[in-house]
Protein backbone atom coordinates (compact mmCIF):
# COMPACT_ATOMS: atom_id res chain seq x y z
CA MET A 1 77.16 61.32 175.57
CA ILE A 2 79.48 64.25 176.12
CA ILE A 3 82.50 62.00 175.73
CA GLY A 4 81.17 60.74 172.40
CA VAL A 5 80.68 64.27 171.13
CA VAL A 6 84.21 65.18 172.19
CA VAL A 7 85.65 62.12 170.47
CA VAL A 8 83.78 62.86 167.25
CA SER A 9 84.91 66.48 167.35
CA VAL A 10 88.52 65.43 167.83
CA LEU A 11 88.30 62.98 164.94
CA LEU A 12 86.83 65.65 162.68
CA VAL A 13 89.60 68.06 163.59
CA LEU A 14 92.23 65.41 162.96
CA ALA A 15 90.67 64.56 159.63
CA ALA A 16 90.57 68.22 158.61
CA VAL A 17 94.21 68.64 159.56
CA SER A 18 95.37 65.37 158.01
CA LEU A 19 93.63 65.60 154.65
CA LYS A 20 95.31 67.81 152.04
CA VAL A 21 93.99 68.50 148.56
CA LEU A 22 96.51 69.11 145.78
CA LYS A 23 95.31 70.73 142.56
CA GLU A 24 96.09 69.34 139.14
CA TYR A 25 98.87 71.87 138.52
CA GLU A 26 100.43 71.31 141.95
CA ARG A 27 102.82 68.72 143.32
CA GLY A 28 103.60 68.06 146.97
CA VAL A 29 107.01 67.55 148.49
CA ALA A 30 106.48 65.90 151.90
CA PHE A 31 108.88 65.37 154.78
CA ARG A 32 108.25 62.89 157.59
CA LEU A 33 110.37 63.57 160.64
CA GLY A 34 112.72 65.50 158.37
CA ARG A 35 113.08 62.69 155.86
CA LEU A 36 112.05 63.25 152.24
CA ARG A 37 109.11 61.21 151.00
CA GLU A 38 107.97 60.49 147.45
CA PRO A 39 106.46 63.44 145.59
CA LEU A 40 102.71 63.64 146.03
CA GLY A 41 100.48 64.01 142.99
CA PRO A 42 97.13 65.84 142.67
CA GLY A 43 94.14 64.71 144.70
CA ILE A 44 93.41 64.04 148.38
CA ARG A 45 96.47 63.17 150.43
CA VAL A 46 96.64 62.04 154.06
CA LEU A 47 99.38 63.47 156.27
CA VAL A 48 100.05 62.69 159.89
CA PRO A 49 99.84 65.90 161.92
CA GLY A 50 103.03 66.65 163.75
CA LEU A 51 105.02 64.12 161.75
CA ASP A 52 104.59 65.21 158.14
CA LYS A 53 105.28 68.59 156.55
CA LEU A 54 103.99 69.41 153.07
CA ILE A 55 105.45 71.96 150.63
CA ARG A 56 103.31 72.80 147.61
CA VAL A 57 105.07 73.37 144.31
CA ASP A 58 103.29 75.12 141.42
CA LEU A 59 104.11 73.67 137.99
CA ARG A 60 102.58 76.49 135.96
CA VAL A 61 104.65 78.98 133.98
CA VAL A 62 105.75 81.88 136.15
CA THR A 63 106.18 85.41 134.74
CA LEU A 64 109.16 87.15 136.28
CA THR A 65 109.83 90.81 135.55
CA ILE A 66 113.47 91.89 135.73
CA PRO A 67 113.71 95.47 137.05
CA PRO A 68 115.60 98.05 134.95
CA GLN A 69 119.35 97.47 135.02
CA GLU A 70 121.99 100.13 134.49
CA VAL A 71 124.42 98.75 131.91
CA ILE A 72 127.20 100.04 129.66
CA THR A 73 127.35 98.52 126.21
CA ARG A 74 130.47 97.37 124.46
CA ASP A 75 130.81 100.71 122.66
CA ASN A 76 130.61 102.62 126.00
CA VAL A 77 126.98 103.78 125.76
CA PRO A 78 125.02 103.90 129.05
CA ALA A 79 121.56 102.36 128.92
CA ARG A 80 118.73 101.11 131.12
CA VAL A 81 117.42 97.69 130.14
CA ASN A 82 114.57 95.64 131.58
CA ALA A 83 113.30 92.24 130.57
CA VAL A 84 110.78 89.51 131.34
CA VAL A 85 111.53 85.85 132.07
CA LEU A 86 109.06 82.97 131.73
CA PHE A 87 110.04 79.80 133.60
CA ARG A 88 108.42 76.74 135.17
CA VAL A 89 109.32 74.00 137.60
CA VAL A 90 110.05 70.65 135.95
CA ASP A 91 111.39 68.83 139.03
CA PRO A 92 109.54 69.66 142.28
CA VAL A 93 112.03 67.81 144.46
CA LYS A 94 115.07 69.68 143.11
CA SER A 95 113.27 73.03 143.35
CA VAL A 96 112.85 72.40 147.09
CA MET A 97 116.02 70.51 147.94
CA SER A 98 118.58 72.38 145.79
CA VAL A 99 117.64 76.00 146.41
CA GLU A 100 115.96 77.86 149.23
CA ASN A 101 113.62 79.98 147.06
CA HIS A 102 113.77 79.14 143.38
CA ALA A 103 111.81 82.26 142.28
CA VAL A 104 114.15 84.70 144.06
CA ALA A 105 117.23 82.79 142.92
CA THR A 106 116.03 82.81 139.30
CA SER A 107 115.37 86.56 139.51
CA GLN A 108 118.87 87.29 140.79
CA ILE A 109 120.50 85.09 138.16
CA ALA A 110 118.42 86.75 135.44
CA GLN A 111 119.51 90.25 136.54
CA THR A 112 123.20 89.44 136.61
CA THR A 113 123.02 87.58 133.29
CA LEU A 114 121.17 90.48 131.67
CA ARG A 115 123.90 92.94 132.67
CA SER A 116 126.61 90.58 131.50
CA VAL A 117 125.09 89.78 128.09
CA VAL A 118 124.10 93.37 127.29
CA GLY A 119 127.54 94.60 128.34
CA ARG A 120 129.13 92.39 125.67
CA ALA A 121 126.89 93.75 122.89
CA GLU A 122 127.03 97.06 121.02
CA LEU A 123 124.17 99.55 121.00
CA ASP A 124 123.20 98.79 117.38
CA THR A 125 122.96 95.09 118.21
CA LEU A 126 120.87 95.85 121.29
CA LEU A 127 118.42 97.95 119.27
CA ALA A 128 118.22 95.99 116.01
CA HIS A 129 119.07 92.39 116.91
CA ARG A 130 117.22 91.67 120.13
CA ALA A 131 116.26 88.16 119.04
CA ASP A 132 119.88 87.01 119.21
CA LEU A 133 120.33 88.59 122.62
CA ASN A 134 117.09 87.03 123.88
CA GLU A 135 118.24 83.60 122.76
CA ASP A 136 121.63 84.08 124.39
CA LEU A 137 119.98 85.20 127.64
CA ALA A 138 117.61 82.23 127.69
CA LYS A 139 120.43 79.72 127.18
CA SER A 140 122.64 81.33 129.84
CA ILE A 141 119.91 81.53 132.50
CA ASP A 142 118.59 78.05 131.75
CA ALA A 143 122.08 76.55 132.08
CA MET A 144 122.39 77.97 135.61
CA THR A 145 118.86 77.11 136.79
CA GLU A 146 118.77 73.58 135.41
CA PRO A 147 120.32 72.03 138.60
CA TRP A 148 117.42 73.57 140.54
CA GLY A 149 114.78 71.82 138.43
CA ILE A 150 113.85 75.09 136.69
CA LYS A 151 113.25 75.32 132.94
CA VAL A 152 113.53 78.82 131.41
CA GLU A 153 111.04 79.05 128.54
CA VAL A 154 111.41 82.60 127.22
CA VAL A 155 113.52 85.69 127.92
CA GLU A 156 112.50 88.93 126.22
CA ILE A 157 114.11 92.36 126.48
CA LYS A 158 111.17 94.73 126.97
CA ASP A 159 112.63 98.21 126.77
CA VAL A 160 115.95 99.95 126.21
CA GLU A 161 116.38 103.51 127.49
CA ILE A 162 119.30 105.59 126.23
CA PRO A 163 120.28 109.21 127.04
CA GLU A 164 118.25 111.95 125.37
CA ALA A 165 121.33 113.52 123.77
CA LEU A 166 122.16 110.23 122.11
CA GLN A 167 118.59 109.92 120.88
CA ARG A 168 118.84 113.32 119.18
CA ALA A 169 122.17 112.34 117.61
CA MET A 170 120.66 109.12 116.28
CA ALA A 171 117.68 111.07 114.91
CA ARG A 172 120.02 113.45 113.06
CA GLU A 173 121.97 110.49 111.70
CA ALA A 174 118.80 108.84 110.43
CA GLU A 175 117.62 112.11 108.86
CA ALA A 176 120.96 112.58 107.09
CA GLU A 177 120.82 109.03 105.79
CA ARG A 178 117.31 109.60 104.43
CA GLU A 179 118.42 112.81 102.70
CA ARG A 180 121.39 111.00 101.16
CA ARG A 181 119.12 108.28 99.77
CA ALA A 182 116.69 110.88 98.43
CA LYS A 183 119.49 112.74 96.61
CA VAL A 184 120.86 109.52 95.13
CA ILE A 185 117.42 108.47 93.92
CA SER A 186 116.81 111.94 92.44
CA ALA A 187 120.17 111.88 90.65
CA ARG A 188 119.45 108.44 89.21
CA GLY A 189 116.07 109.69 88.02
CA GLU A 190 117.68 112.69 86.31
CA LEU A 191 120.22 110.41 84.64
CA GLN A 192 117.55 108.08 83.32
CA ALA A 193 115.39 111.00 82.20
CA SER A 194 118.31 112.61 80.34
CA ALA A 195 119.02 109.33 78.55
CA GLN A 196 115.38 109.03 77.50
CA LEU A 197 115.31 112.67 76.34
CA ARG A 198 118.46 112.09 74.30
CA ASP A 199 116.87 109.11 72.56
CA ALA A 200 113.68 111.10 71.99
CA ALA A 201 115.64 114.00 70.49
CA LYS A 202 117.40 111.64 68.10
CA THR A 203 114.08 110.16 67.01
CA LEU A 204 112.45 113.57 66.50
CA SER A 205 115.45 114.93 64.59
CA GLU A 206 114.93 112.27 61.94
CA SER A 207 111.45 113.61 61.16
CA PRO A 208 110.88 117.42 61.23
CA ALA A 209 107.13 116.95 60.93
CA SER A 210 107.04 114.98 64.18
CA LEU A 211 109.00 117.79 65.86
CA GLN A 212 106.40 120.31 64.73
CA LEU A 213 103.58 118.09 65.95
CA ARG A 214 105.26 117.76 69.30
CA TYR A 215 105.69 121.52 69.44
CA LEU A 216 102.00 122.07 68.76
CA GLN A 217 101.06 119.46 71.34
CA THR A 218 103.10 121.34 73.93
CA LEU A 219 101.30 124.57 73.05
CA LEU A 220 97.96 122.79 73.44
CA GLU A 221 98.92 121.61 76.91
CA LEU A 222 100.04 125.12 77.90
CA GLY A 223 96.77 126.59 76.67
CA ALA A 224 94.62 124.31 78.79
CA ASP A 225 94.27 127.12 81.34
CA HIS A 226 92.24 129.92 79.70
CA ASN A 227 93.60 132.52 82.10
CA SER A 228 97.19 132.07 80.94
CA THR A 229 99.03 134.02 78.23
CA VAL A 230 101.69 132.20 76.26
CA VAL A 231 104.30 134.04 74.16
CA PHE A 232 106.27 131.72 71.90
CA PRO A 233 108.46 131.98 68.78
CA LEU A 234 106.97 130.52 65.62
CA PRO A 235 109.31 128.32 63.55
CA ILE A 236 109.95 129.58 60.01
CA ASP A 237 109.17 126.12 58.65
CA ILE A 238 105.60 126.54 59.76
CA ILE A 239 104.92 130.12 58.61
CA GLY A 240 106.97 129.86 55.39
CA PRO A 241 104.12 128.52 53.24
CA PHE A 242 101.77 131.21 54.56
CA LEU A 243 104.23 134.03 53.70
CA ASP A 244 104.69 132.69 50.17
CA ALA A 245 100.94 132.63 49.73
CA ILE A 246 100.64 136.25 50.88
CA ARG A 247 103.55 137.55 48.73
CA GLY A 248 102.32 135.77 45.61
CA PRO A 249 99.44 138.12 44.55
CA ALA A 250 101.48 141.25 45.35
CA THR A 251 104.41 140.28 43.11
CA ARG A 252 102.32 139.10 40.15
CA GLY A 253 100.35 141.19 37.63
CA VAL A 254 96.71 141.05 36.77
CA ASN A 255 97.19 138.43 34.03
CA GLY A 256 99.45 136.44 36.10
CA ALA A 257 102.78 137.81 34.68
CA SER A 258 105.32 139.45 36.89
CA PRO A 259 105.90 143.29 36.75
CA VAL A 260 109.47 142.78 35.53
CA ILE A 261 108.27 140.83 32.48
CA LYS A 262 105.58 143.46 31.64
CA ALA A 263 108.14 146.31 31.76
CA THR A 264 110.41 144.39 29.39
CA GLU A 265 107.56 143.95 26.88
CA ARG A 266 106.76 147.71 26.82
CA THR A 267 110.42 148.62 26.10
CA HIS A 268 110.53 146.21 23.17
CA ASP A 269 107.37 147.72 21.60
CA ALA A 270 108.78 151.24 21.77
CA GLN A 271 111.83 150.20 19.80
């Protein structure tokens, strides 16, 4: 009875040690007495204890953060650049047989490639054209990791740190550029406005009545605020008819004849 219990216990222990479960996203690279076996797919796999050794390989995309790197750009500007690399294993056997630790090796290759690529670019390219640099980085890293069974999916530059003095200089440059654009736009507006005013002046000069109407319209706009006092010269063309109307009765007699004519008539009667 005791022997049977011992045998059953030993069999259970051997079964627990021999049976391995691989997940759907995992592949197994097995060695039997040091010799490579066929890759093992997902599911329950039986291994002989003491003879077989199993290495699990994850096929999912791995996110690798590249620590900040001190670089000098092509135009001699110091900067700190960090990035992120997304890669995955496409050949489990190569990732085990060709490199000791594919994650560490990929990280080191990514760091050196980042310093090399950024060092060949200028600061303006690094700040404004990151997409081209990201593509160049991805191609360079993927070309070196391909023999290891590693596929680099994406490389993105996350942040670029430049000296504070250079940041202030760039801010002043941007401010000066904005002021230049504002002055150019203002000058163009003045030029267009002067052309329109010239055309308007020509049109109004052809009709004096329209000029007077425009003058009165301007006075109406100025008088919209009741608290304002407006002092303006009155054109003689406007007040001329009113002055003639006022001088008329004073220069004419009672019967409608002028004083000069009445004095001439009295002199003729005396003769």
